[in-house]
Amino acid sequence: MAKPSPHYAGDPNLVKIEQAIRKLRTEAGFSQESLAYEAGVDRSYMGGVERGEHNLTVISLLRICKCLNIGVWELLQRADI
């Protein structure tokens, strides 16, 4: 039996954040795997973040932003939130 989607899956704000993270990651020259390693998260988690499957924790968001050399506020602005 398939697992139901989390209630936040497809949330418009998460979609905007994941799109911004993916864009910043590629602009910075990171692969998903290398960014995950630098941020101290699992590669599959990073992939799920970019697909909007994970509701990011504050700590994970801070780590990812630090690796991308961007503040959380700037990320949210780029995501148009």
PDB file of N, CA and C in Angstrom:
ATOM      1  N   MET A   1       0.842  -1.173   0.000  1.00  0.00           N
ATOM      2  CA  MET A   1       0.000   0.000   0.000  1.00  0.00           C
ATOM      3  C   MET A   1       0.892   1.243   0.000  1.00  0.00           C
ATOM      4  N   ALA A   2       0.595   2.196  -0.855  1.00  0.00           N
ATOM      5  CA  ALA A   2       1.365   3.429  -0.956  1.00  0.00           C
ATOM      6  C   ALA A   2       1.128   4.311   0.254  1.00  0.00           C
ATOM      7  N   LYS A   3       2.194   4.971   0.683  1.00  0.00           N
ATOM      8  CA  LYS A   3       2.067   5.896   1.800  1.00  0.00           C
ATOM      9  C   LYS A   3       1.363   7.165   1.327  1.00  0.00           C
ATOM     10  N   PRO A   4       0.466   7.714   2.140  1.00  0.00           N
ATOM     11  CA  PRO A   4      -0.177   8.969   1.744  1.00  0.00           C
ATOM     12  C   PRO A   4       0.846  10.108   1.760  1.00  0.00           C
ATOM     13  N   SER A   5       0.620  11.098   0.924  1.00  0.00           N
ATOM     14  CA  SER A   5       1.507  12.253   0.891  1.00  0.00           C
ATOM     15  C   SER A   5       1.366  13.045   2.175  1.00  0.00           C
ATOM     16  N   PRO A   6       2.466  13.597   2.674  1.00  0.00           N
ATOM     17  CA  PRO A   6       2.363  14.443   3.857  1.00  0.00           C
ATOM     18  C   PRO A   6       1.462  15.640   3.569  1.00  0.00           C
ATOM     19  N   HIS A   7       0.868  16.188   4.604  1.00  0.00           N
ATOM     20  CA  HIS A   7      -0.058  17.305   4.420  1.00  0.00           C
ATOM     21  C   HIS A   7       0.614  18.538   3.826  1.00  0.00           C
ATOM     22  N   TYR A   8       1.931  18.648   3.935  1.00  0.00           N
ATOM     23  CA  TYR A   8       2.632  19.801   3.390  1.00  0.00           C
ATOM     24  C   TYR A   8       3.122  19.581   1.957  1.00  0.00           C
ATOM     25  N   ALA A   9       3.013  18.367   1.435  1.00  0.00           N
ATOM     26  CA  ALA A   9       3.481  18.082   0.079  1.00  0.00           C
ATOM     27  C   ALA A   9       2.745  18.981  -0.911  1.00  0.00           C
ATOM     28  N   GLY A  10       3.504  19.648  -1.741  1.00  0.00           N
ATOM     29  CA  GLY A  10       2.915  20.533  -2.736  1.00  0.00           C
ATOM     30  C   GLY A  10       2.559  21.904  -2.216  1.00  0.00           C
ATOM     31  N   ASP A  11       2.899  22.185  -0.948  1.00  0.00           N
ATOM     32  CA  ASP A  11       2.622  23.508  -0.394  1.00  0.00           C
ATOM     33  C   ASP A  11       3.313  24.555  -1.263  1.00  0.00           C
ATOM     34  N   PRO A  12       2.597  25.594  -1.676  1.00  0.00           N
ATOM     35  CA  PRO A  12       3.182  26.579  -2.596  1.00  0.00           C
ATOM     36  C   PRO A  12       4.467  27.226  -2.063  1.00  0.00           C
ATOM     37  N   ASN A  13       4.543  27.476  -0.773  1.00  0.00           N
ATOM     38  CA  ASN A  13       5.749  28.085  -0.217  1.00  0.00           C
ATOM     39  C   ASN A  13       6.927  27.122  -0.246  1.00  0.00           C
ATOM     40  N   LEU A  14       6.668  25.845   0.048  1.00  0.00           N
ATOM     41  CA  LEU A  14       7.750  24.852  -0.031  1.00  0.00           C
ATOM     42  C   LEU A  14       8.227  24.694  -1.467  1.00  0.00           C
ATOM     43  N   VAL A  15       7.315  24.737  -2.406  1.00  0.00           N
ATOM     44  CA  VAL A  15       7.689  24.619  -3.816  1.00  0.00           C
ATOM     45  C   VAL A  15       8.602  25.784  -4.202  1.00  0.00           C
ATOM     46  N   LYS A  16       8.246  26.992  -3.771  1.00  0.00           N
ATOM     47  CA  LYS A  16       9.080  28.158  -4.079  1.00  0.00           C
ATOM     48  C   LYS A  16      10.465  28.041  -3.440  1.00  0.00           C
ATOM     49  N   ILE A  17      10.512  27.567  -2.199  1.00  0.00           N
ATOM     50  CA  ILE A  17      11.794  27.413  -1.514  1.00  0.00           C
ATOM     51  C   ILE A  17      12.647  26.360  -2.206  1.00  0.00           C
ATOM     52  N   GLU A  18      12.033  25.217  -2.554  1.00  0.00           N
ATOM     53  CA  GLU A  18      12.826  24.176  -3.208  1.00  0.00           C
ATOM     54  C   GLU A  18      13.342  24.643  -4.559  1.00  0.00           C
ATOM     55  N   GLN A  19      12.565  25.406  -5.282  1.00  0.00           N
ATOM     56  CA  GLN A  19      13.027  25.922  -6.574  1.00  0.00           C
ATOM     57  C   GLN A  19      14.199  26.887  -6.376  1.00  0.00           C
ATOM     58  N   ALA A  20      14.109  27.728  -5.353  1.00  0.00           N
ATOM     59  CA  ALA A  20      15.195  28.678  -5.070  1.00  0.00           C
ATOM     60  C   ALA A  20      16.459  27.936  -4.651  1.00  0.00           C
ATOM     61  N   ILE A  21      16.317  26.914  -3.803  1.00  0.00           N
ATOM     62  CA  ILE A  21      17.480  26.146  -3.366  1.00  0.00           C
ATOM     63  C   ILE A  21      18.134  25.449  -4.556  1.00  0.00           C
ATOM     64  N   ARG A  22      17.333  24.834  -5.406  1.00  0.00           N
ATOM     65  CA  ARG A  22      17.888  24.145  -6.583  1.00  0.00           C
ATOM     66  C   ARG A  22      18.635  25.130  -7.484  1.00  0.00           C
ATOM     67  N   LYS A  23      18.039  26.292  -7.720  1.00  0.00           N
ATOM     68  CA  LYS A  23      18.671  27.299  -8.580  1.00  0.00           C
ATOM     69  C   LYS A  23      19.988  27.775  -7.971  1.00  0.00           C
ATOM     70  N   LEU A  24      19.977  28.091  -6.686  1.00  0.00           N
ATOM     71  CA  LEU A  24      21.191  28.551  -6.017  1.00  0.00           C
ATOM     72  C   LEU A  24      22.254  27.451  -5.989  1.00  0.00           C
ATOM     73  N   ARG A  25      21.817  26.219  -5.777  1.00  0.00           N
ATOM     74  CA  ARG A  25      22.765  25.090  -5.746  1.00  0.00           C
ATOM     75  C   ARG A  25      23.469  24.940  -7.085  1.00  0.00           C
ATOM     76  N   THR A  26      22.703  24.980  -8.169  1.00  0.00           N
ATOM     77  CA  THR A  26      23.312  24.804  -9.488  1.00  0.00           C
ATOM     78  C   THR A  26      24.192  26.002  -9.840  1.00  0.00           C
ATOM     79  N   GLU A  27      23.759  27.213  -9.481  1.00  0.00           N
ATOM     80  CA  GLU A  27      24.577  28.402  -9.736  1.00  0.00           C
ATOM     81  C   GLU A  27      25.905  28.333  -8.979  1.00  0.00           C
ATOM     82  N   ALA A  28      25.882  27.741  -7.785  1.00  0.00           N
ATOM     83  CA  ALA A  28      27.091  27.626  -6.965  1.00  0.00           C
ATOM     84  C   ALA A  28      27.965  26.451  -7.394  1.00  0.00           C
ATOM     85  N   GLY A  29      27.461  25.627  -8.318  1.00  0.00           N
ATOM     86  CA  GLY A  29      28.247  24.504  -8.831  1.00  0.00           C
ATOM     87  C   GLY A  29      28.224  23.267  -7.952  1.00  0.00           C
ATOM     88  N   PHE A  30      27.248  23.191  -7.053  1.00  0.00           N
ATOM     89  CA  PHE A  30      27.113  22.016  -6.191  1.00  0.00           C
ATOM     90  C   PHE A  30      26.244  20.960  -6.865  1.00  0.00           C
ATOM     91  N   SER A  31      26.601  19.702  -6.683  1.00  0.00           N
ATOM     92  CA  SER A  31      25.659  18.622  -6.979  1.00  0.00           C
ATOM     93  C   SER A  31      24.784  18.467  -5.734  1.00  0.00           C
ATOM     94  N   GLN A  32      23.692  17.742  -5.849  1.00  0.00           N
ATOM     95  CA  GLN A  32      22.877  17.469  -4.657  1.00  0.00           C
ATOM     96  C   GLN A  32      23.721  16.775  -3.602  1.00  0.00           C
ATOM     97  N   GLU A  33      24.520  15.824  -4.053  1.00  0.00           N
ATOM     98  CA  GLU A  33      25.335  15.049  -3.128  1.00  0.00           C
ATOM     99  C   GLU A  33      26.370  15.920  -2.404  1.00  0.00           C
ATOM    100  N   SER A  34      27.032  16.794  -3.142  1.00  0.00           N
ATOM    101  CA  SER A  34      28.061  17.621  -2.509  1.00  0.00           C
ATOM    102  C   SER A  34      27.457  18.651  -1.558  1.00  0.00           C
ATOM    103  N   LEU A  35      26.318  19.224  -1.918  1.00  0.00           N
ATOM    104  CA  LEU A  35      25.663  20.171  -1.003  1.00  0.00           C
ATOM    105  C   LEU A  35      25.181  19.451   0.244  1.00  0.00           C
ATOM    106  N   ALA A  36      24.610  18.277   0.068  1.00  0.00           N
ATOM    107  CA  ALA A  36      24.153  17.498   1.219  1.00  0.00           C
ATOM    108  C   ALA A  36      25.312  17.207   2.162  1.00  0.00           C
ATOM    109  N   TYR A  37      26.442  16.806   1.592  1.00  0.00           N
ATOM    110  CA  TYR A  37      27.621  16.508   2.409  1.00  0.00           C
ATOM    111  C   TYR A  37      28.070  17.744   3.179  1.00  0.00           C
ATOM    112  N   GLU A  38      28.191  18.860   2.483  1.00  0.00           N
ATOM    113  CA  GLU A  38      28.652  20.097   3.124  1.00  0.00           C
ATOM    114  C   GLU A  38      27.676  20.582   4.194  1.00  0.00           C
ATOM    115  N   ALA A  39      26.374  20.365   3.970  1.00  0.00           N
ATOM    116  CA  ALA A  39      25.358  20.818   4.918  1.00  0.00           C
ATOM    117  C   ALA A  39      25.122  19.810   6.044  1.00  0.00           C
ATOM    118  N   GLY A  40      25.711  18.634   5.926  1.00  0.00           N
ATOM    119  CA  GLY A  40      25.547  17.626   6.966  1.00  0.00           C
ATOM    120  C   GLY A  40      24.187  16.956   6.970  1.00  0.00           C
ATOM    121  N   VAL A  41      23.594  16.835   5.762  1.00  0.00           N
ATOM    122  CA  VAL A  41      22.320  16.135   5.632  1.00  0.00           C
ATOM    123  C   VAL A  41      22.498  14.981   4.652  1.00  0.00           C
ATOM    124  N   ASP A  42      21.602  14.035   4.698  1.00  0.00           N
ATOM    125  CA  ASP A  42      21.657  12.897   3.793  1.00  0.00           C
ATOM    126  C   ASP A  42      21.322  13.341   2.376  1.00  0.00           C
ATOM    127  N   ARG A  43      21.971  12.723   1.379  1.00  0.00           N
ATOM    128  CA  ARG A  43      21.711  13.069  -0.014  1.00  0.00           C
ATOM    129  C   ARG A  43      20.257  12.857  -0.399  1.00  0.00           C
ATOM    130  N   SER A  44      19.653  11.786   0.110  1.00  0.00           N
ATOM    131  CA  SER A  44      18.247  11.534  -0.221  1.00  0.00           C
ATOM    132  C   SER A  44      17.343  12.599   0.402  1.00  0.00           C
ATOM    133  N   TYR A  45      17.736  13.103   1.565  1.00  0.00           N
ATOM    134  CA  TYR A  45      16.986  14.203   2.190  1.00  0.00           C
ATOM    135  C   TYR A  45      17.082  15.447   1.312  1.00  0.00           C
ATOM    136  N   MET A  46      18.288  15.730   0.817  1.00  0.00           N
ATOM    137  CA  MET A  46      18.491  16.900  -0.044  1.00  0.00           C
ATOM    138  C   MET A  46      17.630  16.785  -1.295  1.00  0.00           C
ATOM    139  N   GLY A  47      17.590  15.595  -1.889  1.00  0.00           N
ATOM    140  CA  GLY A  47      16.739  15.382  -3.056  1.00  0.00           C
ATOM    141  C   GLY A  47      15.274  15.605  -2.726  1.00  0.00           C
ATOM    142  N   GLY A  48      14.871  15.118  -1.556  1.00  0.00           N
ATOM    143  CA  GLY A  48      13.485  15.313  -1.124  1.00  0.00           C
ATOM    144  C   GLY A  48      13.157  16.773  -0.875  1.00  0.00           C
ATOM    145  N   VAL A  49      14.139  17.513  -0.371  1.00  0.00           N
ATOM    146  CA  VAL A  49      13.953  18.955  -0.167  1.00  0.00           C
ATOM    147  C   VAL A  49      13.676  19.615  -1.514  1.00  0.00           C
ATOM    148  N   GLU A  50      14.482  19.277  -2.503  1.00  0.00           N
ATOM    149  CA  GLU A  50      14.330  19.897  -3.820  1.00  0.00           C
ATOM    150  C   GLU A  50      13.057  19.455  -4.542  1.00  0.00           C
ATOM    151  N   ARG A  51      12.491  18.346  -4.134  1.00  0.00           N
ATOM    152  CA  ARG A  51      11.225  17.896  -4.718  1.00  0.00           C
ATOM    153  C   ARG A  51      10.031  18.338  -3.876  1.00  0.00           C
ATOM    154  N   GLY A  52      10.285  19.095  -2.812  1.00  0.00           N
ATOM    155  CA  GLY A  52       9.202  19.574  -1.957  1.00  0.00           C
ATOM    156  C   GLY A  52       8.584  18.486  -1.107  1.00  0.00           C
ATOM    157  N   GLU A  53       9.332  17.412  -0.862  1.00  0.00           N
ATOM    158  CA  GLU A  53       8.816  16.284  -0.093  1.00  0.00           C
ATOM    159  C   GLU A  53       9.104  16.398   1.396  1.00  0.00           C
ATOM    160  N   HIS A  54       9.995  17.322   1.771  1.00  0.00           N
ATOM    161  CA  HIS A  54      10.368  17.476   3.171  1.00  0.00           C
ATOM    162  C   HIS A  54      10.041  18.881   3.640  1.00  0.00           C
ATOM    163  N   ASN A  55       9.461  18.958   4.810  1.00  0.00           N
ATOM    164  CA  ASN A  55       9.243  20.231   5.460  1.00  0.00           C
ATOM    165  C   ASN A  55      10.544  20.541   6.196  1.00  0.00           C
ATOM    166  N   LEU A  56      11.327  21.429   5.638  1.00  0.00           N
ATOM    167  CA  LEU A  56      12.658  21.726   6.160  1.00  0.00           C
ATOM    168  C   LEU A  56      12.627  22.123   7.630  1.00  0.00           C
ATOM    169  N   THR A  57      13.576  21.599   8.379  1.00  0.00           N
ATOM    170  CA  THR A  57      13.759  22.083   9.742  1.00  0.00           C
ATOM    171  C   THR A  57      14.551  23.382   9.669  1.00  0.00           C
ATOM    172  N   VAL A  58      14.460  24.169  10.696  1.00  0.00           N
ATOM    173  CA  VAL A  58      15.209  25.423  10.738  1.00  0.00           C
ATOM    174  C   VAL A  58      16.702  25.143  10.655  1.00  0.00           C
ATOM    175  N   ILE A  59      17.157  24.126  11.383  1.00  0.00           N
ATOM    176  CA  ILE A  59      18.582  23.790  11.372  1.00  0.00           C
ATOM    177  C   ILE A  59      19.038  23.400   9.965  1.00  0.00           C
ATOM    178  N   SER A  60      18.270  22.568   9.282  1.00  0.00           N
ATOM    179  CA  SER A  60      18.650  22.165   7.918  1.00  0.00           C
ATOM    180  C   SER A  60      18.660  23.374   6.984  1.00  0.00           C
ATOM    181  N   LEU A  61      17.681  24.236   7.118  1.00  0.00           N
ATOM    182  CA  LEU A  61      17.619  25.432   6.275  1.00  0.00           C
ATOM    183  C   LEU A  61      18.830  26.325   6.531  1.00  0.00           C
ATOM    184  N   LEU A  62      19.191  26.514   7.796  1.00  0.00           N
ATOM    185  CA  LEU A  62      20.365  27.321   8.134  1.00  0.00           C
ATOM    186  C   LEU A  62      21.644  26.712   7.555  1.00  0.00           C
ATOM    187  N   ARG A  63      21.788  25.398   7.663  1.00  0.00           N
ATOM    188  CA  ARG A  63      22.981  24.725   7.137  1.00  0.00           C
ATOM    189  C   ARG A  63      23.080  24.852   5.621  1.00  0.00           C
ATOM    190  N   ILE A  64      21.961  24.640   4.946  1.00  0.00           N
ATOM    191  CA  ILE A  64      21.939  24.732   3.484  1.00  0.00           C
ATOM    192  C   ILE A  64      22.267  26.159   3.050  1.00  0.00           C
ATOM    193  N   CYS A  65      21.646  27.133   3.706  1.00  0.00           N
ATOM    194  CA  CYS A  65      21.910  28.532   3.357  1.00  0.00           C
ATOM    195  C   CYS A  65      23.369  28.898   3.595  1.00  0.00           C
ATOM    196  N   LYS A  66      23.934  28.425   4.686  1.00  0.00           N
ATOM    197  CA  LYS A  66      25.345  28.718   4.981  1.00  0.00           C
ATOM    198  C   LYS A  66      26.242  28.177   3.865  1.00  0.00           C
ATOM    199  N   CYS A  67      25.964  26.965   3.418  1.00  0.00           N
ATOM    200  CA  CYS A  67      26.762  26.365   2.344  1.00  0.00           C
ATOM    201  C   CYS A  67      26.600  27.129   1.037  1.00  0.00           C
ATOM    202  N   LEU A  68      25.423  27.694   0.825  1.00  0.00           N
ATOM    203  CA  LEU A  68      25.168  28.449  -0.398  1.00  0.00           C
ATOM    204  C   LEU A  68      25.576  29.910  -0.264  1.00  0.00           C
ATOM    205  N   ASN A  69      26.125  30.251   0.912  1.00  0.00           N
ATOM    206  CA  ASN A  69      26.592  31.611   1.171  1.00  0.00           C
ATOM    207  C   ASN A  69      25.474  32.637   1.002  1.00  0.00           C
ATOM    208  N   ILE A  70      24.335  32.308   1.584  1.00  0.00           N
ATOM    209  CA  ILE A  70      23.164  33.170   1.489  1.00  0.00           C
ATOM    210  C   ILE A  70      22.431  33.131   2.828  1.00  0.00           C
ATOM    211  N   GLY A  71      21.862  34.242   3.217  1.00  0.00           N
ATOM    212  CA  GLY A  71      21.071  34.271   4.436  1.00  0.00           C
ATOM    213  C   GLY A  71      19.679  33.709   4.193  1.00  0.00           C
ATOM    214  N   VAL A  72      19.051  33.258   5.251  1.00  0.00           N
ATOM    215  CA  VAL A  72      17.698  32.701   5.129  1.00  0.00           C
ATOM    216  C   VAL A  72      16.753  33.751   4.561  1.00  0.00           C
ATOM    217  N   TRP A  73      16.875  34.980   5.053  1.00  0.00           N
ATOM    218  CA  TRP A  73      15.983  36.046   4.574  1.00  0.00           C
ATOM    219  C   TRP A  73      16.151  36.253   3.067  1.00  0.00           C
ATOM    220  N   GLU A  74      17.397  36.248   2.596  1.00  0.00           N
ATOM    221  CA  GLU A  74      17.639  36.423   1.162  1.00  0.00           C
ATOM    222  C   GLU A  74      17.067  35.253   0.362  1.00  0.00           C
ATOM    223  N   LEU A  75      17.199  34.048   0.896  1.00  0.00           N
ATOM    224  CA  LEU A  75      16.608  32.885   0.227  1.00  0.00           C
ATOM    225  C   LEU A  75      15.091  33.058   0.105  1.00  0.00           C
ATOM    226  N   LEU A  76      14.453  33.483   1.181  1.00  0.00           N
ATOM    227  CA  LEU A  76      13.004  33.676   1.156  1.00  0.00           C
ATOM    228  C   LEU A  76      12.615  34.786   0.183  1.00  0.00           C
ATOM    229  N   GLN A  77      13.423  35.832   0.098  1.00  0.00           N
ATOM    230  CA  GLN A  77      13.159  36.890  -0.884  1.00  0.00           C
ATOM    231  C   GLN A  77      13.280  36.351  -2.300  1.00  0.00           C
ATOM    232  N   ARG A  78      14.320  35.565  -2.546  1.00  0.00           N
ATOM    233  CA  ARG A  78      14.491  34.980  -3.879  1.00  0.00           C
ATOM    234  C   ARG A  78      13.363  34.021  -4.220  1.00  0.00           C
ATOM    235  N   ALA A  79      12.819  33.377  -3.189  1.00  0.00           N
ATOM    236  CA  ALA A  79      11.695  32.461  -3.392  1.00  0.00           C
ATOM    237  C   ALA A  79      10.370  33.218  -3.508  1.00  0.00           C
ATOM    238  N   ASP A  80      10.440  34.540  -3.359  1.00  0.00           N
ATOM    239  CA  ASP A  80       9.256  35.407  -3.443  1.00  0.00           C
ATOM    240  C   ASP A  80       8.218  35.053  -2.384  1.00  0.00           C
ATOM    241  N   ILE A  81       8.722  34.876  -1.165  1.00  0.00           N
ATOM    242  CA  ILE A  81       7.836  34.574  -0.037  1.00  0.00           C
ATOM    243  C   ILE A  81       7.819  35.770   0.888  1.00  0.00           C
TER     244      ILE A  81
END
